[in-house]
Amino acid sequence: MTALDTRARTPWHLWAVVVIGVLWNGFGAYDYVMSHTAGETYFRSMGMTDAQIAYYNAMPAWMTGVWAIGVWGSVAGTILLALRSRWAFQVFVASLAGLVVSLIYTYGMTNGAEMGGQTGMIMNAVILAACLFFVWYSRLMAKRGVLR
């Protein structure tokens, strides 16, 4: 009996979660890249106001790093999940940590709630829910032996 014989079979829902993760986290990666390469043009195409653009442009460099950890951690976590790697859980946790620090900055250290309004709060809640789901799901798959 080999190690391959002892691991759990890949459930169908893992592939559904991977597809959803690619789409969801792919948009996050697109947003990150466009925010840094197209800047104001991209922000205006997303309907941001002058005040929101100024808020983004005033963001400290360390927040760009936190944002990168959140976004690229989710992308990497999805890839690791597709590869059935046990590291998916740890990477999704790092991504969640990046989001939590970002939320602390946005709502605790700045006037981000005012800048984003109700739409921003709802979107951040959806992003948080998605991050929590990916952490939970990758942990569940690791416990069940699907991830190696």
N, C-alpha and C. Protein backbone atom coordinates (compact mmCIF):
# COMPACT_ATOMS: atom_id res chain seq x y z
N MET A 1 0.84 -1.17 0.00
CA MET A 1 0.00 0.00 0.00
C MET A 1 0.90 1.24 0.00
N THR A 2 0.62 2.20 -0.88
CA THR A 2 1.42 3.42 -0.98
C THR A 2 0.70 4.55 -0.25
N ALA A 3 1.42 5.65 -0.11
CA ALA A 3 0.83 6.83 0.52
C ALA A 3 -0.39 7.31 -0.26
N LEU A 4 -0.36 7.14 -1.57
CA LEU A 4 -1.48 7.56 -2.39
C LEU A 4 -2.73 6.74 -2.09
N ASP A 5 -2.56 5.49 -1.69
CA ASP A 5 -3.70 4.64 -1.40
C ASP A 5 -4.40 5.02 -0.09
N THR A 6 -3.69 5.69 0.82
CA THR A 6 -4.24 5.98 2.13
C THR A 6 -4.91 7.34 2.24
N ARG A 7 -4.69 8.23 1.29
CA ARG A 7 -5.32 9.54 1.41
C ARG A 7 -6.76 9.50 0.91
N ALA A 8 -7.53 10.44 1.39
CA ALA A 8 -8.95 10.50 1.03
C ALA A 8 -9.12 10.89 -0.43
N ARG A 9 -10.19 10.38 -1.01
CA ARG A 9 -10.52 10.76 -2.38
C ARG A 9 -10.92 12.23 -2.42
N THR A 10 -10.72 12.86 -3.57
CA THR A 10 -11.08 14.25 -3.72
C THR A 10 -12.59 14.37 -3.91
N PRO A 11 -13.27 15.05 -2.99
CA PRO A 11 -14.72 15.22 -3.14
C PRO A 11 -15.04 16.21 -4.26
N TRP A 12 -16.18 16.06 -4.87
CA TRP A 12 -16.58 16.94 -5.97
C TRP A 12 -16.62 18.40 -5.54
N HIS A 13 -17.02 18.65 -4.28
CA HIS A 13 -17.18 20.03 -3.83
C HIS A 13 -15.85 20.76 -3.73
N LEU A 14 -14.74 20.03 -3.59
CA LEU A 14 -13.44 20.71 -3.57
C LEU A 14 -13.24 21.45 -4.89
N TRP A 15 -13.59 20.80 -5.99
CA TRP A 15 -13.42 21.44 -7.30
C TRP A 15 -14.37 22.61 -7.46
N ALA A 16 -15.58 22.52 -6.91
CA ALA A 16 -16.51 23.65 -6.95
C ALA A 16 -15.94 24.83 -6.17
N VAL A 17 -15.38 24.54 -4.99
CA VAL A 17 -14.78 25.61 -4.17
C VAL A 17 -13.56 26.21 -4.89
N VAL A 18 -12.77 25.38 -5.55
CA VAL A 18 -11.61 25.89 -6.29
C VAL A 18 -12.07 26.82 -7.42
N VAL A 19 -13.09 26.43 -8.15
CA VAL A 19 -13.59 27.28 -9.24
C VAL A 19 -14.11 28.61 -8.69
N ILE A 20 -14.89 28.54 -7.61
CA ILE A 20 -15.38 29.77 -6.98
C ILE A 20 -14.21 30.60 -6.48
N GLY A 21 -13.21 29.94 -5.88
CA GLY A 21 -12.03 30.64 -5.38
C GLY A 21 -11.24 31.32 -6.49
N VAL A 22 -11.10 30.65 -7.62
CA VAL A 22 -10.39 31.26 -8.76
C VAL A 22 -11.12 32.51 -9.23
N LEU A 23 -12.44 32.42 -9.35
CA LEU A 23 -13.21 33.57 -9.80
C LEU A 23 -13.18 34.71 -8.77
N TRP A 24 -13.47 34.38 -7.51
CA TRP A 24 -13.53 35.39 -6.44
C TRP A 24 -12.16 36.02 -6.21
N ASN A 25 -11.17 35.19 -5.96
CA ASN A 25 -9.83 35.71 -5.66
C ASN A 25 -9.15 36.26 -6.90
N GLY A 26 -9.55 35.75 -8.07
CA GLY A 26 -9.03 36.32 -9.32
C GLY A 26 -9.46 37.76 -9.49
N PHE A 27 -10.70 38.07 -9.11
CA PHE A 27 -11.12 39.48 -9.18
C PHE A 27 -10.34 40.32 -8.18
N GLY A 28 -10.08 39.78 -6.99
CA GLY A 28 -9.28 40.51 -6.01
C GLY A 28 -7.89 40.82 -6.56
N ALA A 29 -7.29 39.85 -7.25
CA ALA A 29 -5.97 40.06 -7.85
C ALA A 29 -6.04 41.10 -8.96
N TYR A 30 -7.09 41.01 -9.78
CA TYR A 30 -7.30 42.00 -10.85
C TYR A 30 -7.42 43.40 -10.26
N ASP A 31 -8.22 43.54 -9.21
CA ASP A 31 -8.41 44.83 -8.56
C ASP A 31 -7.09 45.37 -8.01
N TYR A 32 -6.32 44.49 -7.38
CA TYR A 32 -5.03 44.90 -6.83
C TYR A 32 -4.09 45.40 -7.94
N VAL A 33 -3.97 44.62 -9.00
CA VAL A 33 -3.08 44.99 -10.10
C VAL A 33 -3.55 46.29 -10.76
N MET A 34 -4.83 46.38 -11.05
CA MET A 34 -5.35 47.59 -11.71
C MET A 34 -5.21 48.82 -10.81
N SER A 35 -5.40 48.64 -9.51
CA SER A 35 -5.24 49.77 -8.59
C SER A 35 -3.82 50.31 -8.62
N HIS A 36 -2.86 49.42 -8.84
CA HIS A 36 -1.46 49.84 -8.83
C HIS A 36 -0.93 50.23 -10.20
N THR A 37 -1.57 49.75 -11.25
CA THR A 37 -1.04 50.06 -12.58
C THR A 37 -1.85 51.14 -13.30
N ALA A 38 -3.15 51.15 -13.13
CA ALA A 38 -3.99 52.13 -13.82
C ALA A 38 -4.41 53.28 -12.91
N GLY A 39 -4.27 53.09 -11.60
CA GLY A 39 -4.53 54.14 -10.62
C GLY A 39 -5.85 54.86 -10.79
N GLU A 40 -5.76 56.18 -10.93
CA GLU A 40 -6.95 57.02 -10.94
C GLU A 40 -7.92 56.64 -12.06
N THR A 41 -7.41 56.26 -13.21
CA THR A 41 -8.28 55.87 -14.31
C THR A 41 -9.14 54.67 -13.90
N TYR A 42 -8.51 53.69 -13.29
CA TYR A 42 -9.24 52.51 -12.82
C TYR A 42 -10.22 52.90 -11.72
N PHE A 43 -9.78 53.71 -10.77
CA PHE A 43 -10.67 54.12 -9.67
C PHE A 43 -11.91 54.83 -10.21
N ARG A 44 -11.71 55.70 -11.16
CA ARG A 44 -12.86 56.42 -11.73
C ARG A 44 -13.79 55.45 -12.47
N SER A 45 -13.22 54.46 -13.15
CA SER A 45 -14.07 53.47 -13.84
C SER A 45 -14.87 52.64 -12.85
N MET A 46 -14.41 52.56 -11.61
CA MET A 46 -15.12 51.83 -10.56
C MET A 46 -16.11 52.74 -9.82
N GLY A 47 -16.20 54.00 -10.24
CA GLY A 47 -17.16 54.92 -9.67
C GLY A 47 -16.70 55.62 -8.39
N MET A 48 -15.40 55.62 -8.14
CA MET A 48 -14.89 56.27 -6.93
C MET A 48 -14.94 57.79 -7.07
N THR A 49 -15.20 58.46 -5.96
CA THR A 49 -15.23 59.92 -5.92
C THR A 49 -13.81 60.45 -5.73
N ASP A 50 -13.66 61.77 -5.90
CA ASP A 50 -12.36 62.40 -5.67
C ASP A 50 -11.86 62.14 -4.25
N ALA A 51 -12.78 62.23 -3.27
CA ALA A 51 -12.41 62.00 -1.87
C ALA A 51 -11.95 60.56 -1.65
N GLN A 52 -12.62 59.60 -2.28
CA GLN A 52 -12.22 58.20 -2.14
C GLN A 52 -10.86 57.94 -2.79
N ILE A 53 -10.62 58.56 -3.93
CA ILE A 53 -9.33 58.41 -4.61
C ILE A 53 -8.23 59.01 -3.74
N ALA A 54 -8.48 60.18 -3.16
CA ALA A 54 -7.50 60.81 -2.28
C ALA A 54 -7.23 59.93 -1.06
N TYR A 55 -8.28 59.32 -0.50
CA TYR A 55 -8.13 58.41 0.64
C TYR A 55 -7.22 57.25 0.26
N TYR A 56 -7.47 56.64 -0.88
CA TYR A 56 -6.64 55.53 -1.33
C TYR A 56 -5.19 55.98 -1.53
N ASN A 57 -5.00 57.11 -2.19
CA ASN A 57 -3.65 57.59 -2.48
C ASN A 57 -2.88 57.96 -1.22
N ALA A 58 -3.58 58.26 -0.13
CA ALA A 58 -2.93 58.61 1.14
C ALA A 58 -2.63 57.38 1.99
N MET A 59 -3.00 56.21 1.51
CA MET A 59 -2.77 54.97 2.27
C MET A 59 -1.27 54.75 2.45
N PRO A 60 -0.84 54.45 3.69
CA PRO A 60 0.60 54.24 3.92
C PRO A 60 1.12 52.99 3.21
N ALA A 61 2.42 52.98 2.95
CA ALA A 61 3.05 51.86 2.23
C ALA A 61 2.82 50.53 2.93
N TRP A 62 2.84 50.52 4.26
CA TRP A 62 2.66 49.25 4.96
C TRP A 62 1.29 48.65 4.69
N MET A 63 0.30 49.50 4.41
CA MET A 63 -1.03 48.99 4.09
C MET A 63 -1.04 48.32 2.72
N THR A 64 -0.20 48.79 1.81
CA THR A 64 -0.09 48.12 0.51
C THR A 64 0.43 46.70 0.73
N GLY A 65 1.37 46.54 1.65
CA GLY A 65 1.88 45.21 1.98
C GLY A 65 0.82 44.33 2.61
N VAL A 66 0.03 44.89 3.51
CA VAL A 66 -1.06 44.15 4.16
C VAL A 66 -2.09 43.73 3.11
N TRP A 67 -2.41 44.64 2.21
CA TRP A 67 -3.36 44.35 1.14
C TRP A 67 -2.82 43.23 0.25
N ALA A 68 -1.53 43.30 -0.06
CA ALA A 68 -0.90 42.26 -0.89
C ALA A 68 -0.99 40.89 -0.22
N ILE A 69 -0.72 40.85 1.08
CA ILE A 69 -0.81 39.57 1.81
C ILE A 69 -2.24 39.03 1.73
N GLY A 70 -3.22 39.89 1.92
CA GLY A 70 -4.61 39.46 1.84
C GLY A 70 -4.98 38.93 0.47
N VAL A 71 -4.67 39.69 -0.56
CA VAL A 71 -5.07 39.32 -1.92
C VAL A 71 -4.28 38.12 -2.43
N TRP A 72 -2.96 38.23 -2.41
CA TRP A 72 -2.14 37.17 -3.00
C TRP A 72 -2.13 35.92 -2.13
N GLY A 73 -2.39 36.08 -0.83
CA GLY A 73 -2.55 34.91 0.02
C GLY A 73 -3.77 34.10 -0.38
N SER A 74 -4.86 34.78 -0.71
CA SER A 74 -6.07 34.08 -1.15
C SER A 74 -5.86 33.41 -2.50
N VAL A 75 -5.15 34.07 -3.39
CA VAL A 75 -4.86 33.47 -4.69
C VAL A 75 -3.99 32.22 -4.48
N ALA A 76 -2.94 32.35 -3.68
CA ALA A 76 -2.05 31.21 -3.42
C ALA A 76 -2.80 30.09 -2.69
N GLY A 77 -3.65 30.46 -1.75
CA GLY A 77 -4.43 29.46 -1.03
C GLY A 77 -5.33 28.65 -1.96
N THR A 78 -5.92 29.33 -2.92
CA THR A 78 -6.77 28.65 -3.89
C THR A 78 -5.96 27.68 -4.75
N ILE A 79 -4.78 28.12 -5.18
CA ILE A 79 -3.90 27.25 -5.96
C ILE A 79 -3.50 26.04 -5.12
N LEU A 80 -3.14 26.27 -3.87
CA LEU A 80 -2.75 25.17 -2.99
C LEU A 80 -3.92 24.22 -2.73
N LEU A 81 -5.11 24.76 -2.63
CA LEU A 81 -6.29 23.92 -2.47
C LEU A 81 -6.48 23.03 -3.70
N ALA A 82 -6.31 23.61 -4.89
CA ALA A 82 -6.42 22.83 -6.13
C ALA A 82 -5.36 21.73 -6.19
N LEU A 83 -4.19 22.02 -5.63
CA LEU A 83 -3.11 21.03 -5.60
C LEU A 83 -3.25 20.05 -4.44
N ARG A 84 -4.29 20.26 -3.64
CA ARG A 84 -4.57 19.44 -2.45
C ARG A 84 -3.43 19.49 -1.45
N SER A 85 -2.85 20.65 -1.30
CA SER A 85 -1.76 20.84 -0.35
C SER A 85 -2.29 21.25 1.01
N ARG A 86 -1.74 20.66 2.05
CA ARG A 86 -2.15 21.00 3.41
C ARG A 86 -1.78 22.44 3.76
N TRP A 87 -0.89 23.05 3.00
CA TRP A 87 -0.48 24.43 3.24
C TRP A 87 -1.57 25.43 2.89
N ALA A 88 -2.60 24.98 2.19
CA ALA A 88 -3.70 25.89 1.83
C ALA A 88 -4.28 26.55 3.08
N PHE A 89 -4.49 25.78 4.13
CA PHE A 89 -5.06 26.33 5.36
C PHE A 89 -4.20 27.46 5.92
N GLN A 90 -2.90 27.24 6.07
CA GLN A 90 -2.02 28.26 6.64
C GLN A 90 -1.98 29.52 5.77
N VAL A 91 -2.00 29.33 4.47
CA VAL A 91 -1.96 30.48 3.57
C VAL A 91 -3.27 31.26 3.63
N PHE A 92 -4.39 30.55 3.70
CA PHE A 92 -5.68 31.25 3.86
C PHE A 92 -5.74 31.99 5.20
N VAL A 93 -5.15 31.44 6.25
CA VAL A 93 -5.11 32.13 7.54
C VAL A 93 -4.28 33.42 7.42
N ALA A 94 -3.16 33.35 6.72
CA ALA A 94 -2.34 34.56 6.51
C ALA A 94 -3.13 35.61 5.73
N SER A 95 -3.88 35.16 4.72
CA SER A 95 -4.71 36.08 3.95
C SER A 95 -5.77 36.73 4.84
N LEU A 96 -6.40 35.93 5.69
CA LEU A 96 -7.39 36.46 6.62
C LEU A 96 -6.75 37.48 7.57
N ALA A 97 -5.56 37.19 8.03
CA ALA A 97 -4.85 38.14 8.91
C ALA A 97 -4.62 39.46 8.19
N GLY A 98 -4.24 39.39 6.92
CA GLY A 98 -4.06 40.61 6.13
C GLY A 98 -5.35 41.40 6.04
N LEU A 99 -6.46 40.72 5.83
CA LEU A 99 -7.75 41.40 5.76
C LEU A 99 -8.11 42.02 7.10
N VAL A 100 -7.89 41.31 8.19
CA VAL A 100 -8.23 41.83 9.52
C VAL A 100 -7.43 43.11 9.81
N VAL A 101 -6.14 43.10 9.51
CA VAL A 101 -5.33 44.30 9.72
C VAL A 101 -5.84 45.44 8.84
N SER A 102 -6.22 45.12 7.61
CA SER A 102 -6.78 46.12 6.71
C SER A 102 -8.07 46.71 7.27
N LEU A 103 -8.91 45.87 7.83
CA LEU A 103 -10.16 46.35 8.42
C LEU A 103 -9.91 47.21 9.66
N ILE A 104 -8.92 46.83 10.45
CA ILE A 104 -8.57 47.64 11.62
C ILE A 104 -8.10 49.02 11.17
N TYR A 105 -7.27 49.05 10.13
CA TYR A 105 -6.82 50.34 9.59
C TYR A 105 -8.00 51.15 9.06
N THR A 106 -8.84 50.51 8.27
CA THR A 106 -9.94 51.20 7.61
C THR A 106 -10.97 51.75 8.59
N TYR A 107 -11.35 50.91 9.57
CA TYR A 107 -12.45 51.31 10.46
C TYR A 107 -11.99 51.79 11.83
N GLY A 108 -10.76 51.49 12.20
CA GLY A 108 -10.29 51.89 13.52
C GLY A 108 -9.27 53.01 13.53
N MET A 109 -8.53 53.16 12.43
CA MET A 109 -7.44 54.13 12.41
C MET A 109 -7.69 55.29 11.45
N THR A 110 -8.68 55.15 10.57
CA THR A 110 -8.96 56.21 9.59
C THR A 110 -10.47 56.40 9.47
N ASN A 111 -10.84 57.27 8.58
CA ASN A 111 -12.27 57.50 8.32
C ASN A 111 -12.76 56.64 7.15
N GLY A 112 -12.25 55.43 7.05
CA GLY A 112 -12.61 54.53 5.96
C GLY A 112 -14.09 54.21 5.89
N ALA A 113 -14.75 54.16 7.04
CA ALA A 113 -16.20 53.89 7.04
C ALA A 113 -16.94 55.01 6.32
N GLU A 114 -16.52 56.23 6.59
CA GLU A 114 -17.13 57.39 5.93
C GLU A 114 -16.82 57.39 4.43
N MET A 115 -15.59 57.05 4.07
CA MET A 115 -15.17 57.05 2.67
C MET A 115 -15.90 55.97 1.86
N GLY A 116 -16.03 54.79 2.43
CA GLY A 116 -16.65 53.69 1.70
C GLY A 116 -18.15 53.66 1.78
N GLY A 117 -18.68 54.27 2.83
CA GLY A 117 -20.12 54.28 3.02
C GLY A 117 -20.68 52.89 3.28
N GLN A 118 -21.98 52.77 3.15
CA GLN A 118 -22.66 51.50 3.41
C GLN A 118 -22.22 50.43 2.41
N THR A 119 -22.02 50.81 1.16
CA THR A 119 -21.59 49.85 0.15
C THR A 119 -20.23 49.26 0.51
N GLY A 120 -19.31 50.10 0.96
CA GLY A 120 -17.99 49.63 1.37
C GLY A 120 -18.07 48.67 2.55
N MET A 121 -18.92 48.99 3.51
CA MET A 121 -19.08 48.11 4.67
C MET A 121 -19.65 46.75 4.26
N ILE A 122 -20.64 46.78 3.39
CA ILE A 122 -21.23 45.52 2.93
C ILE A 122 -20.19 44.71 2.17
N MET A 123 -19.44 45.35 1.29
CA MET A 123 -18.43 44.64 0.52
C MET A 123 -17.36 44.05 1.43
N ASN A 124 -16.93 44.81 2.43
CA ASN A 124 -15.94 44.29 3.37
C ASN A 124 -16.49 43.12 4.17
N ALA A 125 -17.76 43.16 4.51
CA ALA A 125 -18.38 42.04 5.23
C ALA A 125 -18.43 40.80 4.34
N VAL A 126 -18.72 40.97 3.06
CA VAL A 126 -18.74 39.85 2.13
C VAL A 126 -17.33 39.27 1.96
N ILE A 127 -16.34 40.15 1.84
CA ILE A 127 -14.95 39.69 1.71
C ILE A 127 -14.54 38.92 2.97
N LEU A 128 -14.89 39.44 4.13
CA LEU A 128 -14.57 38.75 5.38
C LEU A 128 -15.25 37.38 5.44
N ALA A 129 -16.51 37.32 5.05
CA ALA A 129 -17.23 36.04 5.04
C ALA A 129 -16.55 35.05 4.09
N ALA A 130 -16.13 35.52 2.93
CA ALA A 130 -15.45 34.64 1.97
C ALA A 130 -14.13 34.14 2.55
N CYS A 131 -13.36 35.03 3.16
CA CYS A 131 -12.09 34.61 3.77
C CYS A 131 -12.32 33.57 4.86
N LEU A 132 -13.30 33.81 5.71
CA LEU A 132 -13.61 32.86 6.77
C LEU A 132 -14.03 31.51 6.19
N PHE A 133 -14.80 31.54 5.11
CA PHE A 133 -15.21 30.30 4.46
C PHE A 133 -13.99 29.53 3.95
N PHE A 134 -13.08 30.20 3.26
CA PHE A 134 -11.91 29.50 2.71
C PHE A 134 -11.02 28.94 3.82
N VAL A 135 -10.89 29.66 4.93
CA VAL A 135 -10.13 29.13 6.07
C VAL A 135 -10.83 27.89 6.62
N TRP A 136 -12.13 28.00 6.86
CA TRP A 136 -12.90 26.86 7.40
C TRP A 136 -12.83 25.66 6.46
N TYR A 137 -13.06 25.90 5.18
CA TYR A 137 -13.11 24.80 4.23
C TYR A 137 -11.75 24.11 4.10
N SER A 138 -10.69 24.87 4.02
CA SER A 138 -9.35 24.26 3.89
C SER A 138 -9.01 23.48 5.15
N ARG A 139 -9.41 23.97 6.31
CA ARG A 139 -9.19 23.24 7.56
C ARG A 139 -9.97 21.93 7.57
N LEU A 140 -11.22 22.00 7.13
CA LEU A 140 -12.07 20.81 7.06
C LEU A 140 -11.46 19.76 6.12
N MET A 141 -11.00 20.19 4.97
CA MET A 141 -10.42 19.25 4.01
C MET A 141 -9.10 18.66 4.54
N ALA A 142 -8.36 19.46 5.29
CA ALA A 142 -7.12 18.93 5.89
C ALA A 142 -7.46 17.88 6.95
N LYS A 143 -8.46 18.16 7.79
CA LYS A 143 -8.86 17.20 8.81
C LYS A 143 -9.37 15.89 8.22
N ARG A 144 -10.04 16.00 7.08
CA ARG A 144 -10.58 14.80 6.44
C ARG A 144 -9.54 14.04 5.62
N GLY A 145 -8.33 14.58 5.57
CA GLY A 145 -7.26 13.89 4.84
C GLY A 145 -7.27 14.12 3.35
N VAL A 146 -8.06 15.07 2.88
CA VAL A 146 -8.10 15.38 1.45
C VAL A 146 -6.85 16.14 1.04
N LEU A 147 -6.39 17.01 1.93
CA LEU A 147 -5.16 17.78 1.66
C LEU A 147 -3.97 17.03 2.23
N ARG A 148 -2.89 17.02 1.50
CA ARG A 148 -1.71 16.26 1.95
C ARG A 148 -0.54 17.16 2.21
